[in-house]
Amino acid sequence: MGVPTSLADVELNEKDVDVILASLERHGMVALGEHQDITLPISREILNTAL
């Protein structure tokens, strides 16, 4: 189908992960998920895995 399956497929890298996390923190989005239990370190792990 030609759909990207990783962040690298859309030319994102570890530096971009830092930018994304900084933006989340700046906007007060430091507890994500249905139960608000996805913290910034967990978000970093998820994003790095998606690279």
PDB file of N, CA and C in Angstrom:
ATOM      1  N   MET A   1       0.816  -1.188   0.000  1.00  0.00           N
ATOM      2  CA  MET A   1       0.000   0.000   0.000  1.00  0.00           C
ATOM      3  C   MET A   1       0.864   1.259   0.000  1.00  0.00           C
ATOM      4  N   GLY A   2       2.146   1.128   0.258  1.00  0.00           N
ATOM      5  CA  GLY A   2       3.030   2.270   0.229  1.00  0.00           C
ATOM      6  C   GLY A   2       2.943   3.168   1.457  1.00  0.00           C
ATOM      7  N   VAL A   3       2.457   2.632   2.559  1.00  0.00           N
ATOM      8  CA  VAL A   3       2.321   3.416   3.784  1.00  0.00           C
ATOM      9  C   VAL A   3       3.598   3.264   4.616  1.00  0.00           C
ATOM     10  N   PRO A   4       4.165   4.386   5.114  1.00  0.00           N
ATOM     11  CA  PRO A   4       5.371   4.270   5.945  1.00  0.00           C
ATOM     12  C   PRO A   4       5.095   3.442   7.201  1.00  0.00           C
ATOM     13  N   THR A   5       6.078   2.626   7.584  1.00  0.00           N
ATOM     14  CA  THR A   5       5.888   1.773   8.752  1.00  0.00           C
ATOM     15  C   THR A   5       6.833   2.107   9.895  1.00  0.00           C
ATOM     16  N   SER A   6       7.690   3.095   9.697  1.00  0.00           N
ATOM     17  CA  SER A   6       8.581   3.536  10.769  1.00  0.00           C
ATOM     18  C   SER A   6       8.780   5.043  10.659  1.00  0.00           C
ATOM     19  N   LEU A   7       9.266   5.644  11.724  1.00  0.00           N
ATOM     20  CA  LEU A   7       9.526   7.078  11.678  1.00  0.00           C
ATOM     21  C   LEU A   7      10.655   7.386  10.705  1.00  0.00           C
ATOM     22  N   ALA A   8      11.607   6.484  10.581  1.00  0.00           N
ATOM     23  CA  ALA A   8      12.697   6.676   9.625  1.00  0.00           C
ATOM     24  C   ALA A   8      12.169   6.745   8.194  1.00  0.00           C
ATOM     25  N   ASP A   9      11.073   6.043   7.928  1.00  0.00           N
ATOM     26  CA  ASP A   9      10.465   6.075   6.592  1.00  0.00           C
ATOM     27  C   ASP A   9       9.971   7.470   6.221  1.00  0.00           C
ATOM     28  N   VAL A  10       9.721   8.286   7.225  1.00  0.00           N
ATOM     29  CA  VAL A  10       9.295   9.671   6.961  1.00  0.00           C
ATOM     30  C   VAL A  10      10.406  10.645   7.372  1.00  0.00           C
ATOM     31  N   GLU A  11      11.651  10.119   7.356  1.00  0.00           N
ATOM     32  CA  GLU A  11      12.873  10.883   7.572  1.00  0.00           C
ATOM     33  C   GLU A  11      12.966  11.550   8.939  1.00  0.00           C
ATOM     34  N   LEU A  12      12.481  10.867   9.976  1.00  0.00           N
ATOM     35  CA  LEU A  12      12.652  11.330  11.347  1.00  0.00           C
ATOM     36  C   LEU A  12      13.758  10.517  11.990  1.00  0.00           C
ATOM     37  N   ASN A  13      14.493  11.134  12.928  1.00  0.00           N
ATOM     38  CA  ASN A  13      15.586  10.444  13.601  1.00  0.00           C
ATOM     39  C   ASN A  13      15.592  10.787  15.088  1.00  0.00           C
ATOM     40  N   GLU A  14      16.663  10.414  15.779  1.00  0.00           N
ATOM     41  CA  GLU A  14      16.734  10.613  17.232  1.00  0.00           C
ATOM     42  C   GLU A  14      16.658  12.085  17.621  1.00  0.00           C
ATOM     43  N   LYS A  15      17.214  12.969  16.812  1.00  0.00           N
ATOM     44  CA  LYS A  15      17.120  14.408  17.092  1.00  0.00           C
ATOM     45  C   LYS A  15      15.666  14.863  17.063  1.00  0.00           C
ATOM     46  N   ASP A  16      14.896  14.307  16.144  1.00  0.00           N
ATOM     47  CA  ASP A  16      13.481  14.659  16.045  1.00  0.00           C
ATOM     48  C   ASP A  16      12.708  14.160  17.252  1.00  0.00           C
ATOM     49  N   VAL A  17      13.113  13.017  17.799  1.00  0.00           N
ATOM     50  CA  VAL A  17      12.484  12.497  19.012  1.00  0.00           C
ATOM     51  C   VAL A  17      12.666  13.506  20.140  1.00  0.00           C
ATOM     52  N   ASP A  18      13.871  14.064  20.250  1.00  0.00           N
ATOM     53  CA  ASP A  18      14.126  15.084  21.274  1.00  0.00           C
ATOM     54  C   ASP A  18      13.215  16.292  21.093  1.00  0.00           C
ATOM     55  N   VAL A  19      13.032  16.713  19.860  1.00  0.00           N
ATOM     56  CA  VAL A  19      12.158  17.859  19.565  1.00  0.00           C
ATOM     57  C   VAL A  19      10.712  17.541  19.939  1.00  0.00           C
ATOM     58  N   ILE A  20      10.261  16.357  19.602  1.00  0.00           N
ATOM     59  CA  ILE A  20       8.895  15.939  19.924  1.00  0.00           C
ATOM     60  C   ILE A  20       8.685  15.924  21.432  1.00  0.00           C
ATOM     61  N   LEU A  21       9.625  15.340  22.165  1.00  0.00           N
ATOM     62  CA  LEU A  21       9.496  15.258  23.617  1.00  0.00           C
ATOM     63  C   LEU A  21       9.544  16.639  24.266  1.00  0.00           C
ATOM     64  N   ALA A  22      10.397  17.515  23.756  1.00  0.00           N
ATOM     65  CA  ALA A  22      10.465  18.878  24.283  1.00  0.00           C
ATOM     66  C   ALA A  22       9.143  19.597  24.047  1.00  0.00           C
ATOM     67  N   SER A  23       8.551  19.368  22.902  1.00  0.00           N
ATOM     68  CA  SER A  23       7.262  19.987  22.590  1.00  0.00           C
ATOM     69  C   SER A  23       6.163  19.455  23.508  1.00  0.00           C
ATOM     70  N   LEU A  24       6.159  18.151  23.742  1.00  0.00           N
ATOM     71  CA  LEU A  24       5.184  17.576  24.669  1.00  0.00           C
ATOM     72  C   LEU A  24       5.328  18.196  26.054  1.00  0.00           C
ATOM     73  N   GLU A  25       6.567  18.329  26.515  1.00  0.00           N
ATOM     74  CA  GLU A  25       6.799  18.902  27.840  1.00  0.00           C
ATOM     75  C   GLU A  25       6.379  20.376  27.889  1.00  0.00           C
ATOM     76  N   ARG A  26       6.708  21.108  26.848  1.00  0.00           N
ATOM     77  CA  ARG A  26       6.357  22.528  26.778  1.00  0.00           C
ATOM     78  C   ARG A  26       4.839  22.731  26.839  1.00  0.00           C
ATOM     79  N   HIS A  27       4.101  21.812  26.283  1.00  0.00           N
ATOM     80  CA  HIS A  27       2.637  21.915  26.265  1.00  0.00           C
ATOM     81  C   HIS A  27       1.984  21.214  27.450  1.00  0.00           C
ATOM     82  N   GLY A  28       2.802  20.745  28.394  1.00  0.00           N
ATOM     83  CA  GLY A  28       2.267  20.112  29.593  1.00  0.00           C
ATOM     84  C   GLY A  28       1.715  18.723  29.375  1.00  0.00           C
ATOM     85  N   MET A  29       2.101  18.112  28.275  1.00  0.00           N
ATOM     86  CA  MET A  29       1.610  16.767  27.953  1.00  0.00           C
ATOM     87  C   MET A  29       2.627  15.735  28.417  1.00  0.00           C
ATOM     88  N   VAL A  30       2.778  15.627  29.738  1.00  0.00           N
ATOM     89  CA  VAL A  30       3.803  14.743  30.296  1.00  0.00           C
ATOM     90  C   VAL A  30       3.228  13.440  30.833  1.00  0.00           C
ATOM     91  N   ALA A  31       1.921  13.308  30.836  1.00  0.00           N
ATOM     92  CA  ALA A  31       1.261  12.073  31.252  1.00  0.00           C
ATOM     93  C   ALA A  31       0.207  11.747  30.200  1.00  0.00           C
ATOM     94  N   LEU A  32       0.542  10.813  29.336  1.00  0.00           N
ATOM     95  CA  LEU A  32      -0.329  10.478  28.213  1.00  0.00           C
ATOM     96  C   LEU A  32      -1.000   9.125  28.428  1.00  0.00           C
ATOM     97  N   GLY A  33      -1.948   8.833  27.602  1.00  0.00           N
ATOM     98  CA  GLY A  33      -2.631   7.549  27.647  1.00  0.00           C
ATOM     99  C   GLY A  33      -3.937   7.621  28.431  1.00  0.00           C
ATOM    100  N   GLU A  34      -4.723   6.600  28.260  1.00  0.00           N
ATOM    101  CA  GLU A  34      -6.027   6.524  28.909  1.00  0.00           C
ATOM    102  C   GLU A  34      -5.934   6.686  30.421  1.00  0.00           C
ATOM    103  N   HIS A  35      -4.892   6.128  31.005  1.00  0.00           N
ATOM    104  CA  HIS A  35      -4.723   6.189  32.460  1.00  0.00           C
ATOM    105  C   HIS A  35      -3.648   7.195  32.877  1.00  0.00           C
ATOM    106  N   GLN A  36      -3.221   8.014  31.911  1.00  0.00           N
ATOM    107  CA  GLN A  36      -2.197   9.033  32.166  1.00  0.00           C
ATOM    108  C   GLN A  36      -0.914   8.428  32.716  1.00  0.00           C
ATOM    109  N   ASP A  37      -0.570   7.218  32.304  1.00  0.00           N
ATOM    110  CA  ASP A  37       0.600   6.539  32.842  1.00  0.00           C
ATOM    111  C   ASP A  37       1.759   6.422  31.852  1.00  0.00           C
ATOM    112  N   ILE A  38       1.651   7.097  30.729  1.00  0.00           N
ATOM    113  CA  ILE A  38       2.751   7.102  29.771  1.00  0.00           C
ATOM    114  C   ILE A  38       3.521   8.407  29.966  1.00  0.00           C
ATOM    115  N   THR A  39       4.670   8.280  30.617  1.00  0.00           N
ATOM    116  CA  THR A  39       5.501   9.428  30.952  1.00  0.00           C
ATOM    117  C   THR A  39       6.426   9.765  29.781  1.00  0.00           C
ATOM    118  N   LEU A  40       7.157  10.854  29.915  1.00  0.00           N
ATOM    119  CA  LEU A  40       8.087  11.235  28.856  1.00  0.00           C
ATOM    120  C   LEU A  40       9.164  10.172  28.605  1.00  0.00           C
ATOM    121  N   PRO A  41       9.743   9.548  29.638  1.00  0.00           N
ATOM    122  CA  PRO A  41      10.707   8.470  29.349  1.00  0.00           C
ATOM    123  C   PRO A  41      10.081   7.298  28.587  1.00  0.00           C
ATOM    124  N   ILE A  42       8.864   6.965  28.909  1.00  0.00           N
ATOM    125  CA  ILE A  42       8.181   5.889  28.177  1.00  0.00           C
ATOM    126  C   ILE A  42       7.897   6.341  26.748  1.00  0.00           C
ATOM    127  N   SER A  43       7.487   7.593  26.582  1.00  0.00           N
ATOM    128  CA  SER A  43       7.263   8.141  25.237  1.00  0.00           C
ATOM    129  C   SER A  43       8.544   8.073  24.421  1.00  0.00           C
ATOM    130  N   ARG A  44       9.683   8.394  25.056  1.00  0.00           N
ATOM    131  CA  ARG A  44      10.979   8.327  24.353  1.00  0.00           C
ATOM    132  C   ARG A  44      11.239   6.896  23.891  1.00  0.00           C
ATOM    133  N   GLU A  45      11.001   5.939  24.760  1.00  0.00           N
ATOM    134  CA  GLU A  45      11.220   4.536  24.417  1.00  0.00           C
ATOM    135  C   GLU A  45      10.335   4.119  23.234  1.00  0.00           C
ATOM    136  N   ILE A  46       9.083   4.528  23.262  1.00  0.00           N
ATOM    137  CA  ILE A  46       8.141   4.194  22.185  1.00  0.00           C
ATOM    138  C   ILE A  46       8.619   4.811  20.865  1.00  0.00           C
ATOM    139  N   LEU A  47       8.965   6.092  20.908  1.00  0.00           N
ATOM    140  CA  LEU A  47       9.400   6.772  19.681  1.00  0.00           C
ATOM    141  C   LEU A  47      10.707   6.193  19.147  1.00  0.00           C
ATOM    142  N   ASN A  48      11.654   5.893  20.040  1.00  0.00           N
ATOM    143  CA  ASN A  48      12.908   5.305  19.581  1.00  0.00           C
ATOM    144  C   ASN A  48      12.689   3.929  18.979  1.00  0.00           C
ATOM    145  N   THR A  49      11.762   3.173  19.522  1.00  0.00           N
ATOM    146  CA  THR A  49      11.440   1.864  18.952  1.00  0.00           C
ATOM    147  C   THR A  49      10.835   2.012  17.566  1.00  0.00           C
ATOM    148  N   ALA A  50      10.108   3.097  17.352  1.00  0.00           N
ATOM    149  CA  ALA A  50       9.452   3.331  16.063  1.00  0.00           C
ATOM    150  C   ALA A  50      10.422   3.845  15.001  1.00  0.00           C
ATOM    151  N   LEU A  51      11.652   4.162  15.408  1.00  0.00           N
ATOM    152  CA  LEU A  51      12.622   4.614  14.414  1.00  0.00           C
ATOM    153  C   LEU A  51      13.029   3.434  13.549  1.00  0.00           C
TER     154      LEU A  51
END
